[in-house]
Amino acid sequence: MKNKRIFPVMMLLMACLLMSTTVWAQTAKPKASPATTATGKIGDATVTINYSSPSVKGRTIWGDLVPYNKVWRAGANEATTLTVDKDVMVEGKALPAGTYSVYAIPTEKDWTMIFNKTAKQWGTNYDEKQDALRVTVKPRKAAALNESLKYDVTGQGIVLKWENMEIPVAITAKK
């Protein structure tokens, strides 16, 4: 009699175990730096930026988490990419249509924004020999704290926003 009850109890336990692992797998934590996209038109060119968006989380970003005078991947995880479907001018310099990884060298006074020909790579695999274009831009103080890194595509270019800083990069359609 006892042996007949063991089998159904064991099956019930196995079913509960299977269901609990399925539910646990579906409630995984969101990524610390979720992937996101910003897209828009600049003239007749479509500009798309794919990036991972880290958060401030009470940290000092500029000069600490992101050191000054060193190449930074301008996002998290995989390299941030900028895709333009037409030739454009970036801060007055030509950038052909294509997809580029985006890096930066921040300083307290100005930044060097780098557009690198190797787009599909992990963000820390930067190779200066693959640079397509480097431009110098001026950071500005943000009107409000940006907890998560964000890129905006505006009619005048792109803007990187994070913590208390905004970094505008002028982009125009090539004539």
C-alpha atoms as a PDB file:
ATOM      1  CA  MET A   1       0.000   0.000   0.000  1.00  0.00           C
ATOM      2  CA  LYS A   2       2.805   2.377   0.924  1.00  0.00           C
ATOM      3  CA  ASN A   3       4.669   1.712  -2.351  1.00  0.00           C
ATOM      4  CA  LYS A   4       1.608   2.787  -4.354  1.00  0.00           C
ATOM      5  CA  ARG A   5       1.641   6.214  -2.661  1.00  0.00           C
ATOM      6  CA  ILE A   6       5.358   6.903  -3.176  1.00  0.00           C
ATOM      7  CA  PHE A   7       5.167   7.105  -6.974  1.00  0.00           C
ATOM      8  CA  PRO A   8       2.473   9.861  -7.109  1.00  0.00           C
ATOM      9  CA  VAL A   9       4.246  11.828  -4.355  1.00  0.00           C
ATOM     10  CA  MET A  10       7.553  11.613  -6.232  1.00  0.00           C
ATOM     11  CA  MET A  11       5.875  12.744  -9.463  1.00  0.00           C
ATOM     12  CA  LEU A  12       4.274  15.695  -7.657  1.00  0.00           C
ATOM     13  CA  LEU A  13       7.649  16.709  -6.190  1.00  0.00           C
ATOM     14  CA  MET A  14       9.308  16.476  -9.613  1.00  0.00           C
ATOM     15  CA  ALA A  15       6.571  18.620 -11.193  1.00  0.00           C
ATOM     16  CA  CYS A  16       6.951  21.261  -8.455  1.00  0.00           C
ATOM     17  CA  LEU A  17      10.720  21.311  -8.907  1.00  0.00           C
ATOM     18  CA  LEU A  18      10.406  21.696 -12.677  1.00  0.00           C
ATOM     19  CA  MET A  19       7.871  24.542 -12.368  1.00  0.00           C
ATOM     20  CA  SER A  20       9.921  26.406  -9.759  1.00  0.00           C
ATOM     21  CA  THR A  21      13.078  26.372 -11.919  1.00  0.00           C
ATOM     22  CA  THR A  22      11.082  27.627 -14.917  1.00  0.00           C
ATOM     23  CA  VAL A  23       9.612  30.507 -12.892  1.00  0.00           C
ATOM     24  CA  TRP A  24      13.035  31.330 -11.415  1.00  0.00           C
ATOM     25  CA  ALA A  25      14.612  31.488 -14.894  1.00  0.00           C
ATOM     26  CA  GLN A  26      11.923  33.908 -16.088  1.00  0.00           C
ATOM     27  CA  THR A  27      12.473  36.322 -13.208  1.00  0.00           C
ATOM     28  CA  ALA A  28      16.165  36.947 -13.939  1.00  0.00           C
ATOM     29  CA  LYS A  29      17.459  40.403 -13.052  1.00  0.00           C
ATOM     30  CA  PRO A  30      17.572  43.012 -15.813  1.00  0.00           C
ATOM     31  CA  LYS A  31      21.020  43.873 -17.168  1.00  0.00           C
ATOM     32  CA  ALA A  32      22.953  46.506 -15.229  1.00  0.00           C
ATOM     33  CA  SER A  33      23.658  48.365 -18.497  1.00  0.00           C
ATOM     34  CA  PRO A  34      20.755  47.593 -20.849  1.00  0.00           C
ATOM     35  CA  ALA A  35      21.213  47.874 -24.611  1.00  0.00           C
ATOM     36  CA  THR A  36      19.285  50.688 -26.263  1.00  0.00           C
ATOM     37  CA  THR A  37      19.100  52.641 -29.509  1.00  0.00           C
ATOM     38  CA  ALA A  38      18.754  56.293 -30.475  1.00  0.00           C
ATOM     39  CA  THR A  39      17.832  57.187 -34.036  1.00  0.00           C
ATOM     40  CA  GLY A  40      16.872  60.277 -35.970  1.00  0.00           C
ATOM     41  CA  LYS A  41      17.357  62.363 -39.094  1.00  0.00           C
ATOM     42  CA  ILE A  42      20.042  64.959 -39.670  1.00  0.00           C
ATOM     43  CA  GLY A  43      19.211  66.554 -42.977  1.00  0.00           C
ATOM     44  CA  ASP A  44      18.435  63.609 -45.239  1.00  0.00           C
ATOM     45  CA  ALA A  45      20.798  61.251 -43.371  1.00  0.00           C
ATOM     46  CA  THR A  46      19.474  58.702 -40.889  1.00  0.00           C
ATOM     47  CA  VAL A  47      21.686  58.404 -37.807  1.00  0.00           C
ATOM     48  CA  THR A  48      21.429  55.416 -35.458  1.00  0.00           C
ATOM     49  CA  ILE A  49      23.385  54.914 -32.244  1.00  0.00           C
ATOM     50  CA  ASN A  50      23.395  51.495 -30.538  1.00  0.00           C
ATOM     51  CA  TYR A  51      24.797  51.499 -27.017  1.00  0.00           C
ATOM     52  CA  SER A  52      24.594  49.990 -23.560  1.00  0.00           C
ATOM     53  CA  SER A  53      23.414  52.418 -20.902  1.00  0.00           C
ATOM     54  CA  PRO A  54      25.164  52.261 -17.510  1.00  0.00           C
ATOM     55  CA  SER A  55      23.771  54.122 -14.492  1.00  0.00           C
ATOM     56  CA  VAL A  56      25.422  56.559 -12.097  1.00  0.00           C
ATOM     57  CA  LYS A  57      24.388  54.622  -8.943  1.00  0.00           C
ATOM     58  CA  GLY A  58      25.860  57.307  -6.667  1.00  0.00           C
ATOM     59  CA  ARG A  59      29.304  57.110  -8.269  1.00  0.00           C
ATOM     60  CA  THR A  60      31.469  59.975  -9.483  1.00  0.00           C
ATOM     61  CA  ILE A  61      31.619  59.416 -13.234  1.00  0.00           C
ATOM     62  CA  TRP A  62      33.940  61.969 -14.863  1.00  0.00           C
ATOM     63  CA  GLY A  63      37.550  61.764 -13.756  1.00  0.00           C
ATOM     64  CA  ASP A  64      36.841  58.704 -11.593  1.00  0.00           C
ATOM     65  CA  LEU A  65      34.808  55.839 -13.091  1.00  0.00           C
ATOM     66  CA  VAL A  66      35.646  57.306 -16.522  1.00  0.00           C
ATOM     67  CA  PRO A  67      39.199  58.633 -16.119  1.00  0.00           C
ATOM     68  CA  TYR A  68      40.327  61.789 -17.861  1.00  0.00           C
ATOM     69  CA  ASN A  69      42.926  61.586 -20.660  1.00  0.00           C
ATOM     70  CA  LYS A  70      42.267  57.896 -21.432  1.00  0.00           C
ATOM     71  CA  VAL A  71      40.267  56.260 -24.222  1.00  0.00           C
ATOM     72  CA  TRP A  72      36.747  55.379 -23.039  1.00  0.00           C
ATOM     73  CA  ARG A  73      34.253  53.207 -24.940  1.00  0.00           C
ATOM     74  CA  ALA A  74      31.456  55.833 -24.713  1.00  0.00           C
ATOM     75  CA  GLY A  75      29.013  53.337 -23.204  1.00  0.00           C
ATOM     76  CA  ALA A  76      29.212  49.884 -21.629  1.00  0.00           C
ATOM     77  CA  ASN A  77      29.664  46.293 -22.797  1.00  0.00           C
ATOM     78  CA  GLU A  78      29.945  46.017 -26.597  1.00  0.00           C
ATOM     79  CA  ALA A  79      31.332  49.049 -28.393  1.00  0.00           C
ATOM     80  CA  THR A  80      28.844  51.856 -28.944  1.00  0.00           C
ATOM     81  CA  THR A  81      28.142  52.148 -32.675  1.00  0.00           C
ATOM     82  CA  LEU A  82      27.057  55.032 -34.861  1.00  0.00           C
ATOM     83  CA  THR A  83      25.541  54.247 -38.257  1.00  0.00           C
ATOM     84  CA  VAL A  84      24.961  56.901 -40.919  1.00  0.00           C
ATOM     85  CA  ASP A  85      23.258  55.958 -44.171  1.00  0.00           C
ATOM     86  CA  LYS A  86      24.693  58.931 -46.093  1.00  0.00           C
ATOM     87  CA  ASP A  87      28.000  60.786 -46.022  1.00  0.00           C
ATOM     88  CA  VAL A  88      28.006  63.444 -43.267  1.00  0.00           C
ATOM     89  CA  MET A  89      30.218  66.148 -41.802  1.00  0.00           C
ATOM     90  CA  VAL A  90      31.153  65.714 -38.139  1.00  0.00           C
ATOM     91  CA  GLU A  91      32.391  68.947 -36.579  1.00  0.00           C
ATOM     92  CA  GLY A  92      33.220  70.095 -40.131  1.00  0.00           C
ATOM     93  CA  LYS A  93      35.124  66.917 -41.103  1.00  0.00           C
ATOM     94  CA  ALA A  94      33.913  64.300 -43.599  1.00  0.00           C
ATOM     95  CA  LEU A  95      32.665  60.918 -42.396  1.00  0.00           C
ATOM     96  CA  PRO A  96      31.524  58.478 -45.103  1.00  0.00           C
ATOM     97  CA  ALA A  97      28.296  56.515 -44.774  1.00  0.00           C
ATOM     98  CA  GLY A  98      28.819  53.378 -42.692  1.00  0.00           C
ATOM     99  CA  THR A  99      28.901  51.958 -39.182  1.00  0.00           C
ATOM    100  CA  TYR A 100      31.582  53.017 -36.720  1.00  0.00           C
ATOM    101  CA  SER A 101      32.410  52.240 -33.108  1.00  0.00           C
ATOM    102  CA  VAL A 102      32.425  55.359 -30.933  1.00  0.00           C
ATOM    103  CA  TYR A 103      35.118  56.132 -28.376  1.00  0.00           C
ATOM    104  CA  ALA A 104      36.052  59.271 -26.482  1.00  0.00           C
ATOM    105  CA  ILE A 105      39.005  60.763 -24.661  1.00  0.00           C
ATOM    106  CA  PRO A 106      37.453  63.020 -22.025  1.00  0.00           C
ATOM    107  CA  THR A 107      39.296  65.865 -20.338  1.00  0.00           C
ATOM    108  CA  GLU A 108      37.977  68.593 -18.079  1.00  0.00           C
ATOM    109  CA  LYS A 109      38.101  71.186 -20.903  1.00  0.00           C
ATOM    110  CA  ASP A 110      37.368  69.311 -24.131  1.00  0.00           C
ATOM    111  CA  TRP A 111      36.808  65.837 -25.471  1.00  0.00           C
ATOM    112  CA  THR A 112      38.160  63.941 -28.440  1.00  0.00           C
ATOM    113  CA  MET A 113      35.369  61.935 -30.054  1.00  0.00           C
ATOM    114  CA  ILE A 114      36.632  58.986 -32.083  1.00  0.00           C
ATOM    115  CA  PHE A 115      34.832  57.144 -34.886  1.00  0.00           C
ATOM    116  CA  ASN A 116      36.574  53.813 -35.433  1.00  0.00           C
ATOM    117  CA  LYS A 117      36.182  51.582 -38.514  1.00  0.00           C
ATOM    118  CA  THR A 118      35.895  48.370 -36.446  1.00  0.00           C
ATOM    119  CA  ALA A 119      32.247  48.448 -35.397  1.00  0.00           C
ATOM    120  CA  LYS A 120      31.523  44.928 -34.117  1.00  0.00           C
ATOM    121  CA  GLN A 121      33.806  44.494 -31.121  1.00  0.00           C
ATOM    122  CA  TRP A 122      33.833  44.455 -27.355  1.00  0.00           C
ATOM    123  CA  GLY A 123      34.099  48.029 -26.097  1.00  0.00           C
ATOM    124  CA  THR A 124      37.600  47.683 -24.649  1.00  0.00           C
ATOM    125  CA  ASN A 125      39.202  46.342 -27.858  1.00  0.00           C
ATOM    126  CA  TYR A 126      40.058  49.792 -29.244  1.00  0.00           C
ATOM    127  CA  ASP A 127      42.755  50.009 -31.970  1.00  0.00           C
ATOM    128  CA  GLU A 128      43.828  53.552 -32.860  1.00  0.00           C
ATOM    129  CA  LYS A 129      45.045  52.394 -36.303  1.00  0.00           C
ATOM    130  CA  GLN A 130      41.385  51.768 -37.241  1.00  0.00           C
ATOM    131  CA  ASP A 131      40.241  55.353 -36.547  1.00  0.00           C
ATOM    132  CA  ALA A 132      38.219  56.847 -39.391  1.00  0.00           C
ATOM    133  CA  LEU A 133      37.846  60.263 -37.752  1.00  0.00           C
ATOM    134  CA  ARG A 134      38.729  62.195 -34.596  1.00  0.00           C
ATOM    135  CA  VAL A 135      37.095  65.500 -33.656  1.00  0.00           C
ATOM    136  CA  THR A 136      37.349  67.810 -30.649  1.00  0.00           C
ATOM    137  CA  VAL A 137      34.163  68.912 -28.872  1.00  0.00           C
ATOM    138  CA  LYS A 138      33.321  70.961 -25.767  1.00  0.00           C
ATOM    139  CA  PRO A 139      31.369  69.350 -22.916  1.00  0.00           C
ATOM    140  CA  ARG A 140      28.742  71.364 -21.092  1.00  0.00           C
ATOM    141  CA  LYS A 141      26.981  71.099 -17.757  1.00  0.00           C
ATOM    142  CA  ALA A 142      23.629  69.314 -17.955  1.00  0.00           C
ATOM    143  CA  ALA A 143      20.474  71.086 -16.789  1.00  0.00           C
ATOM    144  CA  ALA A 144      19.580  68.030 -14.666  1.00  0.00           C
ATOM    145  CA  LEU A 145      21.179  64.786 -13.496  1.00  0.00           C
ATOM    146  CA  ASN A 146      21.021  61.972 -16.067  1.00  0.00           C
ATOM    147  CA  GLU A 147      21.079  58.776 -14.001  1.00  0.00           C
ATOM    148  CA  SER A 148      21.507  56.568 -17.091  1.00  0.00           C
ATOM    149  CA  LEU A 149      23.793  57.248 -20.021  1.00  0.00           C
ATOM    150  CA  LYS A 150      21.748  58.423 -22.974  1.00  0.00           C
ATOM    151  CA  TYR A 151      22.368  59.490 -26.561  1.00  0.00           C
ATOM    152  CA  ASP A 152      20.020  61.838 -28.412  1.00  0.00           C
ATOM    153  CA  VAL A 153      19.970  62.446 -32.159  1.00  0.00           C
ATOM    154  CA  THR A 154      18.942  66.027 -32.852  1.00  0.00           C
ATOM    155  CA  GLY A 155      18.698  68.033 -36.068  1.00  0.00           C
ATOM    156  CA  GLN A 156      22.147  69.457 -35.254  1.00  0.00           C
ATOM    157  CA  GLY A 157      23.975  66.226 -34.350  1.00  0.00           C
ATOM    158  CA  ILE A 158      24.205  63.855 -31.413  1.00  0.00           C
ATOM    159  CA  VAL A 159      24.408  64.516 -27.680  1.00  0.00           C
ATOM    160  CA  LEU A 160      25.837  62.117 -25.095  1.00  0.00           C
ATOM    161  CA  LYS A 161      24.216  62.754 -21.680  1.00  0.00           C
ATOM    162  CA  TRP A 162      25.312  61.199 -18.416  1.00  0.00           C
ATOM    163  CA  GLU A 163      25.566  62.304 -14.799  1.00  0.00           C
ATOM    164  CA  ASN A 164      25.948  66.104 -14.828  1.00  0.00           C
ATOM    165  CA  MET A 165      27.503  66.385 -18.301  1.00  0.00           C
ATOM    166  CA  GLU A 166      26.365  66.689 -21.930  1.00  0.00           C
ATOM    167  CA  ILE A 167      28.707  66.242 -24.870  1.00  0.00           C
ATOM    168  CA  PRO A 168      27.276  67.667 -28.115  1.00  0.00           C
ATOM    169  CA  VAL A 169      28.767  66.570 -31.445  1.00  0.00           C
ATOM    170  CA  ALA A 170      27.745  68.633 -34.481  1.00  0.00           C
ATOM    171  CA  ILE A 171      26.755  66.569 -37.516  1.00  0.00           C
ATOM    172  CA  THR A 172      25.457  67.948 -40.798  1.00  0.00           C
ATOM    173  CA  ALA A 173      24.451  66.303 -44.058  1.00  0.00           C
ATOM    174  CA  LYS A 174      27.270  66.444 -46.581  1.00  0.00           C
ATOM    175  CA  LYS A 175      26.550  68.713 -49.524  1.00  0.00           C
END
